[in-house]
Amino acid sequence: MRGTLNWYVKAQQKIQSFLPHLDPDLIVNVRPAIVTPDNGGPEYEQLVLAFSHLSNQNLSWTMEIGEDDEYIKGGKLESVVKERYLLKTAQH
């Protein structure tokens, strides 16, 4: 399995620090998933951040992240999550 559990937990904790301000019904967990690459490569098992919403199933998605401390602490992770959330809410 790709991905490091400690790294994903660190990202999850960061997301949980701002998620209640974005949408108190949006939840993030770390879980394994089977990933099918867009480029047609072989499937693989990967840890992912799994987002789910308590009242709107259309606001669910998974996300892979790389092990980059600056990505988590520097605000990029927060920006990506917020952009994805806004895109999902605009679609539904």
PDB file of N, CA and C in Angstrom:
ATOM      1  N   MET A   1       0.842  -1.177   0.000  1.00  0.00           N
ATOM      2  CA  MET A   1       0.000   0.000   0.000  1.00  0.00           C
ATOM      3  C   MET A   1       0.889   1.243   0.000  1.00  0.00           C
ATOM      4  N   ARG A   2       0.517   2.185  -0.827  1.00  0.00           N
ATOM      5  CA  ARG A   2       1.257   3.440  -0.882  1.00  0.00           C
ATOM      6  C   ARG A   2       0.727   4.383   0.190  1.00  0.00           C
ATOM      7  N   GLY A   3       1.545   5.361   0.559  1.00  0.00           N
ATOM      8  CA  GLY A   3       1.119   6.348   1.544  1.00  0.00           C
ATOM      9  C   GLY A   3       1.490   5.914   2.954  1.00  0.00           C
ATOM     10  N   THR A   4       1.753   6.878   3.795  1.00  0.00           N
ATOM     11  CA  THR A   4       2.141   6.624   5.168  1.00  0.00           C
ATOM     12  C   THR A   4       1.002   7.055   6.084  1.00  0.00           C
ATOM     13  N   LEU A   5       0.554   6.158   6.942  1.00  0.00           N
ATOM     14  CA  LEU A   5      -0.566   6.447   7.825  1.00  0.00           C
ATOM     15  C   LEU A   5      -0.308   7.701   8.661  1.00  0.00           C
ATOM     16  N   ASN A   6       0.875   7.824   9.225  1.00  0.00           N
ATOM     17  CA  ASN A   6       1.180   9.000  10.056  1.00  0.00           C
ATOM     18  C   ASN A   6       1.032  10.293   9.258  1.00  0.00           C
ATOM     19  N   TRP A   7       1.428  10.245   8.002  1.00  0.00           N
ATOM     20  CA  TRP A   7       1.354  11.436   7.160  1.00  0.00           C
ATOM     21  C   TRP A   7      -0.097  11.816   6.881  1.00  0.00           C
ATOM     22  N   TYR A   8      -0.914  10.829   6.600  1.00  0.00           N
ATOM     23  CA  TYR A   8      -2.325  11.084   6.334  1.00  0.00           C
ATOM     24  C   TYR A   8      -3.058  11.555   7.587  1.00  0.00           C
ATOM     25  N   VAL A   9      -2.683  11.018   8.742  1.00  0.00           N
ATOM     26  CA  VAL A   9      -3.288  11.471   9.997  1.00  0.00           C
ATOM     27  C   VAL A   9      -2.911  12.927  10.252  1.00  0.00           C
ATOM     28  N   LYS A  10      -1.683  13.292   9.954  1.00  0.00           N
ATOM     29  CA  LYS A  10      -1.240  14.681  10.099  1.00  0.00           C
ATOM     30  C   LYS A  10      -2.075  15.600   9.194  1.00  0.00           C
ATOM     31  N   ALA A  11      -2.309  15.181   7.976  1.00  0.00           N
ATOM     32  CA  ALA A  11      -3.130  15.974   7.048  1.00  0.00           C
ATOM     33  C   ALA A  11      -4.568  16.033   7.541  1.00  0.00           C
ATOM     34  N   GLN A  12      -5.086  14.924   8.030  1.00  0.00           N
ATOM     35  CA  GLN A  12      -6.451  14.889   8.552  1.00  0.00           C
ATOM     36  C   GLN A  12      -6.608  15.873   9.707  1.00  0.00           C
ATOM     37  N   GLN A  13      -5.642  15.908  10.598  1.00  0.00           N
ATOM     38  CA  GLN A  13      -5.696  16.831  11.734  1.00  0.00           C
ATOM     39  C   GLN A  13      -5.687  18.281  11.271  1.00  0.00           C
ATOM     40  N   LYS A  14      -4.885  18.583  10.271  1.00  0.00           N
ATOM     41  CA  LYS A  14      -4.852  19.937   9.730  1.00  0.00           C
ATOM     42  C   LYS A  14      -6.218  20.303   9.138  1.00  0.00           C
ATOM     43  N   ILE A  15      -6.794  19.389   8.378  1.00  0.00           N
ATOM     44  CA  ILE A  15      -8.094  19.642   7.751  1.00  0.00           C
ATOM     45  C   ILE A  15      -9.171  19.832   8.813  1.00  0.00           C
ATOM     46  N   GLN A  16      -9.128  19.033   9.858  1.00  0.00           N
ATOM     47  CA  GLN A  16     -10.121  19.152  10.919  1.00  0.00           C
ATOM     48  C   GLN A  16     -10.027  20.487  11.647  1.00  0.00           C
ATOM     49  N   SER A  17      -8.904  21.168  11.533  1.00  0.00           N
ATOM     50  CA  SER A  17      -8.758  22.472  12.185  1.00  0.00           C
ATOM     51  C   SER A  17      -9.541  23.564  11.461  1.00  0.00           C
ATOM     52  N   PHE A  18      -9.799  23.409  10.162  1.00  0.00           N
ATOM     53  CA  PHE A  18     -10.543  24.439   9.429  1.00  0.00           C
ATOM     54  C   PHE A  18     -11.883  23.955   8.876  1.00  0.00           C
ATOM     55  N   LEU A  19     -12.115  22.659   8.861  1.00  0.00           N
ATOM     56  CA  LEU A  19     -13.336  22.122   8.283  1.00  0.00           C
ATOM     57  C   LEU A  19     -14.625  22.627   8.948  1.00  0.00           C
ATOM     58  N   PRO A  20     -14.689  22.742  10.267  1.00  0.00           N
ATOM     59  CA  PRO A  20     -15.924  23.242  10.881  1.00  0.00           C
ATOM     60  C   PRO A  20     -16.315  24.650  10.403  1.00  0.00           C
ATOM     61  N   HIS A  21     -15.340  25.460  10.027  1.00  0.00           N
ATOM     62  CA  HIS A  21     -15.629  26.807   9.522  1.00  0.00           C
ATOM     63  C   HIS A  21     -16.122  26.757   8.078  1.00  0.00           C
ATOM     64  N   LEU A  22     -15.678  25.751   7.347  1.00  0.00           N
ATOM     65  CA  LEU A  22     -16.090  25.590   5.960  1.00  0.00           C
ATOM     66  C   LEU A  22     -17.494  24.995   5.883  1.00  0.00           C
ATOM     67  N   ASP A  23     -17.705  23.896   6.601  1.00  0.00           N
ATOM     68  CA  ASP A  23     -19.007  23.223   6.628  1.00  0.00           C
ATOM     69  C   ASP A  23     -18.995  22.254   7.806  1.00  0.00           C
ATOM     70  N   PRO A  24     -19.755  22.541   8.848  1.00  0.00           N
ATOM     71  CA  PRO A  24     -19.716  21.680  10.036  1.00  0.00           C
ATOM     72  C   PRO A  24     -20.215  20.257   9.794  1.00  0.00           C
ATOM     73  N   ASP A  25     -20.897  20.010   8.680  1.00  0.00           N
ATOM     74  CA  ASP A  25     -21.388  18.665   8.370  1.00  0.00           C
ATOM     75  C   ASP A  25     -20.439  17.871   7.473  1.00  0.00           C
ATOM     76  N   LEU A  26     -19.300  18.458   7.117  1.00  0.00           N
ATOM     77  CA  LEU A  26     -18.306  17.780   6.283  1.00  0.00           C
ATOM     78  C   LEU A  26     -17.293  17.097   7.193  1.00  0.00           C
ATOM     79  N   ILE A  27     -17.039  15.820   6.917  1.00  0.00           N
ATOM     80  CA  ILE A  27     -16.159  14.998   7.748  1.00  0.00           C
ATOM     81  C   ILE A  27     -15.029  14.449   6.886  1.00  0.00           C
ATOM     82  N   VAL A  28     -13.852  14.316   7.475  1.00  0.00           N
ATOM     83  CA  VAL A  28     -12.726  13.713   6.764  1.00  0.00           C
ATOM     84  C   VAL A  28     -12.165  12.565   7.597  1.00  0.00           C
ATOM     85  N   ASN A  29     -11.896  11.448   6.928  1.00  0.00           N
ATOM     86  CA  ASN A  29     -11.282  10.277   7.548  1.00  0.00           C
ATOM     87  C   ASN A  29     -10.153   9.795   6.655  1.00  0.00           C
ATOM     88  N   VAL A  30      -9.293   8.985   7.218  1.00  0.00           N
ATOM     89  CA  VAL A  30      -8.231   8.330   6.458  1.00  0.00           C
ATOM     90  C   VAL A  30      -8.655   6.884   6.268  1.00  0.00           C
ATOM     91  N   ARG A  31      -8.583   6.410   5.025  1.00  0.00           N
ATOM     92  CA  ARG A  31      -8.946   5.013   4.764  1.00  0.00           C
ATOM     93  C   ARG A  31      -8.186   4.509   3.546  1.00  0.00           C
ATOM     94  N   PRO A  32      -8.026   3.205   3.437  1.00  0.00           N
ATOM     95  CA  PRO A  32      -7.425   2.649   2.229  1.00  0.00           C
ATOM     96  C   PRO A  32      -8.449   2.622   1.106  1.00  0.00           C
ATOM     97  N   ALA A  33      -7.961   2.746  -0.113  1.00  0.00           N
ATOM     98  CA  ALA A  33      -8.832   2.699  -1.293  1.00  0.00           C
ATOM     99  C   ALA A  33      -8.054   2.086  -2.449  1.00  0.00           C
ATOM    100  N   ILE A  34      -8.782   1.511  -3.394  1.00  0.00           N
ATOM    101  CA  ILE A  34      -8.183   1.029  -4.635  1.00  0.00           C
ATOM    102  C   ILE A  34      -8.236   2.189  -5.624  1.00  0.00           C
ATOM    103  N   VAL A  35      -7.089   2.579  -6.147  1.00  0.00           N
ATOM    104  CA  VAL A  35      -6.982   3.706  -7.069  1.00  0.00           C
ATOM    105  C   VAL A  35      -6.764   3.174  -8.479  1.00  0.00           C
ATOM    106  N   THR A  36      -7.546   3.697  -9.411  1.00  0.00           N
ATOM    107  CA  THR A  36      -7.379   3.376 -10.819  1.00  0.00           C
ATOM    108  C   THR A  36      -6.825   4.626 -11.504  1.00  0.00           C
ATOM    109  N   PRO A  37      -5.566   4.611 -11.900  1.00  0.00           N
ATOM    110  CA  PRO A  37      -4.966   5.803 -12.515  1.00  0.00           C
ATOM    111  C   PRO A  37      -5.659   6.209 -13.811  1.00  0.00           C
ATOM    112  N   ASP A  38      -5.764   7.513 -14.032  1.00  0.00           N
ATOM    113  CA  ASP A  38      -6.356   8.041 -15.259  1.00  0.00           C
ATOM    114  C   ASP A  38      -5.554   7.655 -16.496  1.00  0.00           C
ATOM    115  N   ASN A  39      -4.254   7.438 -16.309  1.00  0.00           N
ATOM    116  CA  ASN A  39      -3.390   7.140 -17.460  1.00  0.00           C
ATOM    117  C   ASN A  39      -3.445   5.674 -17.884  1.00  0.00           C
ATOM    118  N   GLY A  40      -4.341   4.891 -17.278  1.00  0.00           N
ATOM    119  CA  GLY A  40      -4.488   3.492 -17.671  1.00  0.00           C
ATOM    120  C   GLY A  40      -3.506   2.553 -17.009  1.00  0.00           C
ATOM    121  N   GLY A  41      -2.718   3.059 -16.074  1.00  0.00           N
ATOM    122  CA  GLY A  41      -1.770   2.208 -15.364  1.00  0.00           C
ATOM    123  C   GLY A  41      -2.483   1.221 -14.460  1.00  0.00           C
ATOM    124  N   PRO A  42      -1.712   0.335 -13.845  1.00  0.00           N
ATOM    125  CA  PRO A  42      -2.326  -0.680 -12.996  1.00  0.00           C
ATOM    126  C   PRO A  42      -2.935  -0.069 -11.726  1.00  0.00           C
ATOM    127  N   GLU A  43      -4.004  -0.685 -11.252  1.00  0.00           N
ATOM    128  CA  GLU A  43      -4.623  -0.251 -10.001  1.00  0.00           C
ATOM    129  C   GLU A  43      -3.662  -0.518  -8.852  1.00  0.00           C
ATOM    130  N   TYR A  44      -3.802   0.258  -7.791  1.00  0.00           N
ATOM    131  CA  TYR A  44      -2.996   0.048  -6.596  1.00  0.00           C
ATOM    132  C   TYR A  44      -3.790   0.478  -5.373  1.00  0.00           C
ATOM    133  N   GLU A  45      -3.387  -0.057  -4.226  1.00  0.00           N
ATOM    134  CA  GLU A  45      -4.035   0.316  -2.976  1.00  0.00           C
ATOM    135  C   GLU A  45      -3.298   1.509  -2.386  1.00  0.00           C
ATOM    136  N   GLN A  46      -4.046   2.473  -1.904  1.00  0.00           N
ATOM    137  CA  GLN A  46      -3.477   3.736  -1.444  1.00  0.00           C
ATOM    138  C   GLN A  46      -4.295   4.241  -0.258  1.00  0.00           C
ATOM    139  N   LEU A  47      -3.638   4.824   0.708  1.00  0.00           N
ATOM    140  CA  LEU A  47      -4.376   5.561   1.726  1.00  0.00           C
ATOM    141  C   LEU A  47      -4.901   6.833   1.079  1.00  0.00           C
ATOM    142  N   VAL A  48      -6.085   7.251   1.466  1.00  0.00           N
ATOM    143  CA  VAL A  48      -6.672   8.481   0.944  1.00  0.00           C
ATOM    144  C   VAL A  48      -7.356   9.231   2.073  1.00  0.00           C
ATOM    145  N   LEU A  49      -7.545  10.519   1.853  1.00  0.00           N
ATOM    146  CA  LEU A  49      -8.413  11.316   2.701  1.00  0.00           C
ATOM    147  C   LEU A  49      -9.806  11.169   2.114  1.00  0.00           C
ATOM    148  N   ALA A  50     -10.745  10.680   2.901  1.00  0.00           N
ATOM    149  CA  ALA A  50     -12.103  10.448   2.430  1.00  0.00           C
ATOM    150  C   ALA A  50     -13.032  11.478   3.066  1.00  0.00           C
ATOM    151  N   PHE A  51     -13.622  12.315   2.228  1.00  0.00           N
ATOM    152  CA  PHE A  51     -14.535  13.352   2.687  1.00  0.00           C
ATOM    153  C   PHE A  51     -15.967  12.862   2.514  1.00  0.00           C
ATOM    154  N   SER A  52     -16.784  13.087   3.520  1.00  0.00           N
ATOM    155  CA  SER A  52     -18.200  12.748   3.433  1.00  0.00           C
ATOM    156  C   SER A  52     -19.004  13.832   4.145  1.00  0.00           C
ATOM    157  N   HIS A  53     -20.242  13.962   3.739  1.00  0.00           N
ATOM    158  CA  HIS A  53     -21.112  15.001   4.278  1.00  0.00           C
ATOM    159  C   HIS A  53     -22.294  14.323   4.961  1.00  0.00           C
ATOM    160  N   LEU A  54     -22.688  14.839   6.110  1.00  0.00           N
ATOM    161  CA  LEU A  54     -23.753  14.213   6.893  1.00  0.00           C
ATOM    162  C   LEU A  54     -25.115  14.264   6.208  1.00  0.00           C
ATOM    163  N   SER A  55     -25.357  15.287   5.385  1.00  0.00           N
ATOM    164  CA  SER A  55     -26.692  15.414   4.788  1.00  0.00           C
ATOM    165  C   SER A  55     -26.700  15.519   3.267  1.00  0.00           C
ATOM    166  N   ASN A  56     -25.528  15.514   2.642  1.00  0.00           N
ATOM    167  CA  ASN A  56     -25.483  15.653   1.185  1.00  0.00           C
ATOM    168  C   ASN A  56     -24.436  14.695   0.623  1.00  0.00           C
ATOM    169  N   GLN A  57     -24.885  13.552   0.108  1.00  0.00           N
ATOM    170  CA  GLN A  57     -23.948  12.545  -0.400  1.00  0.00           C
ATOM    171  C   GLN A  57     -23.173  13.017  -1.628  1.00  0.00           C
ATOM    172  N   ASN A  58     -23.638  14.072  -2.291  1.00  0.00           N
ATOM    173  CA  ASN A  58     -22.918  14.611  -3.447  1.00  0.00           C
ATOM    174  C   ASN A  58     -21.636  15.339  -3.045  1.00  0.00           C
ATOM    175  N   LEU A  59     -21.494  15.628  -1.756  1.00  0.00           N
ATOM    176  CA  LEU A  59     -20.290  16.299  -1.272  1.00  0.00           C
ATOM    177  C   LEU A  59     -19.317  15.284  -0.677  1.00  0.00           C
ATOM    178  N   SER A  60     -19.113  14.198  -1.388  1.00  0.00           N
ATOM    179  CA  SER A  60     -18.172  13.161  -0.973  1.00  0.00           C
ATOM    180  C   SER A  60     -17.087  13.020  -2.033  1.00  0.00           C
ATOM    181  N   TRP A  61     -15.849  12.881  -1.584  1.00  0.00           N
ATOM    182  CA  TRP A  61     -14.746  12.667  -2.506  1.00  0.00           C
ATOM    183  C   TRP A  61     -13.556  12.101  -1.747  1.00  0.00           C
ATOM    184  N   THR A  62     -12.594  11.566  -2.481  1.00  0.00           N
ATOM    185  CA  THR A  62     -11.345  11.097  -1.888  1.00  0.00           C
ATOM    186  C   THR A  62     -10.195  11.894  -2.479  1.00  0.00           C
ATOM    187  N   MET A  63      -9.109  11.896  -1.744  1.00  0.00           N
ATOM    188  CA  MET A  63      -7.973  12.717  -2.148  1.00  0.00           C
ATOM    189  C   MET A  63      -6.675  12.056  -1.692  1.00  0.00           C
ATOM    190  N   GLU A  64      -5.734  11.934  -2.604  1.00  0.00           N
ATOM    191  CA  GLU A  64      -4.391  11.471  -2.267  1.00  0.00           C
ATOM    192  C   GLU A  64      -3.526  12.694  -1.993  1.00  0.00           C
ATOM    193  N   ILE A  65      -2.527  12.533  -1.144  1.00  0.00           N
ATOM    194  CA  ILE A  65      -1.572  13.614  -0.916  1.00  0.00           C
ATOM    195  C   ILE A  65      -0.169  13.037  -0.904  1.00  0.00           C
ATOM    196  N   GLY A  66       0.793  13.892  -1.220  1.00  0.00           N
ATOM    197  CA  GLY A  66       2.194  13.505  -1.141  1.00  0.00           C
ATOM    198  C   GLY A  66       2.767  13.890   0.212  1.00  0.00           C
ATOM    199  N   GLU A  67       3.880  13.315   0.553  1.00  0.00           N
ATOM    200  CA  GLU A  67       4.527  13.610   1.831  1.00  0.00           C
ATOM    201  C   GLU A  67       5.352  14.879   1.693  1.00  0.00           C
ATOM    202  N   ASP A  68       4.705  15.997   1.902  1.00  0.00           N
ATOM    203  CA  ASP A  68       5.336  17.310   1.774  1.00  0.00           C
ATOM    204  C   ASP A  68       4.834  18.183   2.912  1.00  0.00           C
ATOM    205  N   ASP A  69       5.688  18.416   3.894  1.00  0.00           N
ATOM    206  CA  ASP A  69       5.306  19.177   5.070  1.00  0.00           C
ATOM    207  C   ASP A  69       4.831  20.581   4.713  1.00  0.00           C
ATOM    208  N   GLU A  70       5.463  21.199   3.746  1.00  0.00           N
ATOM    209  CA  GLU A  70       5.073  22.548   3.336  1.00  0.00           C
ATOM    210  C   GLU A  70       3.676  22.559   2.719  1.00  0.00           C
ATOM    211  N   TYR A  71       3.301  21.488   2.051  1.00  0.00           N
ATOM    212  CA  TYR A  71       1.964  21.371   1.464  1.00  0.00           C
ATOM    213  C   TYR A  71       0.901  21.434   2.553  1.00  0.00           C
ATOM    214  N   ILE A  72       1.163  20.758   3.668  1.00  0.00           N
ATOM    215  CA  ILE A  72       0.195  20.734   4.759  1.00  0.00           C
ATOM    216  C   ILE A  72       0.244  22.029   5.568  1.00  0.00           C
ATOM    217  N   LYS A  73       1.416  22.425   5.993  1.00  0.00           N
ATOM    218  CA  LYS A  73       1.538  23.587   6.873  1.00  0.00           C
ATOM    219  C   LYS A  73       1.470  24.921   6.135  1.00  0.00           C
ATOM    220  N   GLY A  74       1.840  24.934   4.868  1.00  0.00           N
ATOM    221  CA  GLY A  74       1.923  26.184   4.127  1.00  0.00           C
ATOM    222  C   GLY A  74       0.611  26.695   3.557  1.00  0.00           C
ATOM    223  N   GLY A  75      -0.456  25.941   3.736  1.00  0.00           N
ATOM    224  CA  GLY A  75      -1.755  26.410   3.290  1.00  0.00           C
ATOM    225  C   GLY A  75      -2.250  25.822   1.982  1.00  0.00           C
ATOM    226  N   LYS A  76      -1.418  25.113   1.258  1.00  0.00           N
ATOM    227  CA  LYS A  76      -1.847  24.548  -0.024  1.00  0.00           C
ATOM    228  C   LYS A  76      -2.931  23.490   0.175  1.00  0.00           C
ATOM    229  N   LEU A  77      -2.765  22.622   1.171  1.00  0.00           N
ATOM    230  CA  LEU A  77      -3.772  21.600   1.451  1.00  0.00           C
ATOM    231  C   LEU A  77      -5.128  22.259   1.737  1.00  0.00           C
ATOM    232  N   GLU A  78      -5.128  23.281   2.563  1.00  0.00           N
ATOM    233  CA  GLU A  78      -6.371  23.983   2.879  1.00  0.00           C
ATOM    234  C   GLU A  78      -6.995  24.591   1.628  1.00  0.00           C
ATOM    235  N   SER A  79      -6.178  25.197   0.786  1.00  0.00           N
ATOM    236  CA  SER A  79      -6.690  25.792  -0.457  1.00  0.00           C
ATOM    237  C   SER A  79      -7.312  24.739  -1.372  1.00  0.00           C
ATOM    238  N   VAL A  80      -6.659  23.601  -1.514  1.00  0.00           N
ATOM    239  CA  VAL A  80      -7.160  22.542  -2.389  1.00  0.00           C
ATOM    240  C   VAL A  80      -8.486  21.998  -1.865  1.00  0.00           C
ATOM    241  N   VAL A  81      -8.577  21.765  -0.557  1.00  0.00           N
ATOM    242  CA  VAL A  81      -9.822  21.251   0.022  1.00  0.00           C
ATOM    243  C   VAL A  81     -10.952  22.257  -0.178  1.00  0.00           C
ATOM    244  N   LYS A  82     -10.682  23.529   0.071  1.00  0.00           N
ATOM    245  CA  LYS A  82     -11.713  24.558  -0.099  1.00  0.00           C
ATOM    246  C   LYS A  82     -12.143  24.679  -1.562  1.00  0.00           C
ATOM    247  N   GLU A  83     -11.189  24.627  -2.474  1.00  0.00           N
ATOM    248  CA  GLU A  83     -11.521  24.697  -3.907  1.00  0.00           C
ATOM    249  C   GLU A  83     -12.388  23.515  -4.325  1.00  0.00           C
ATOM    250  N   ARG A  84     -12.035  22.324  -3.876  1.00  0.00           N
ATOM    251  CA  ARG A  84     -12.802  21.124  -4.214  1.00  0.00           C
ATOM    252  C   ARG A  84     -14.216  21.226  -3.641  1.00  0.00           C
ATOM    253  N   TYR A  85     -14.320  21.687  -2.413  1.00  0.00           N
ATOM    254  CA  TYR A  85     -15.634  21.838  -1.767  1.00  0.00           C
ATOM    255  C   TYR A  85     -16.490  22.843  -2.555  1.00  0.00           C
ATOM    256  N   LEU A  86     -15.928  23.983  -2.904  1.00  0.00           N
ATOM    257  CA  LEU A  86     -16.679  24.987  -3.648  1.00  0.00           C
ATOM    258  C   LEU A  86     -17.096  24.479  -5.023  1.00  0.00           C
ATOM    259  N   LEU A  87     -16.230  23.727  -5.663  1.00  0.00           N
ATOM    260  CA  LEU A  87     -16.554  23.128  -6.960  1.00  0.00           C
ATOM    261  C   LEU A  87     -17.697  22.129  -6.806  1.00  0.00           C
ATOM    262  N   LYS A  88     -17.631  21.295  -5.794  1.00  0.00           N
ATOM    263  CA  LYS A  88     -18.694  20.309  -5.566  1.00  0.00           C
ATOM    264  C   LYS A  88     -20.024  20.982  -5.251  1.00  0.00           C
ATOM    265  N   THR A  89     -20.000  22.034  -4.423  1.00  0.00           N
ATOM    266  CA  THR A  89     -21.261  22.713  -4.075  1.00  0.00           C
ATOM    267  C   THR A  89     -21.836  23.456  -5.277  1.00  0.00           C
ATOM    268  N   ALA A  90     -21.002  23.938  -6.161  1.00  0.00           N
ATOM    269  CA  ALA A  90     -21.490  24.636  -7.368  1.00  0.00           C
ATOM    270  C   ALA A  90     -22.126  23.653  -8.349  1.00  0.00           C
ATOM    271  N   GLN A  91     -21.668  22.410  -8.350  1.00  0.00           N
ATOM    272  CA  GLN A  91     -22.195  21.390  -9.260  1.00  0.00           C
ATOM    273  C   GLN A  91     -23.549  20.876  -8.810  1.00  0.00           C
ATOM    274  N   HIS A  92     -23.865  21.009  -7.536  1.00  0.00           N
ATOM    275  CA  HIS A  92     -25.100  20.402  -7.024  1.00  0.00           C
ATOM    276  C   HIS A  92     -25.961  21.440  -6.409  1.00  0.00           C
TER     277      HIS A  92
END
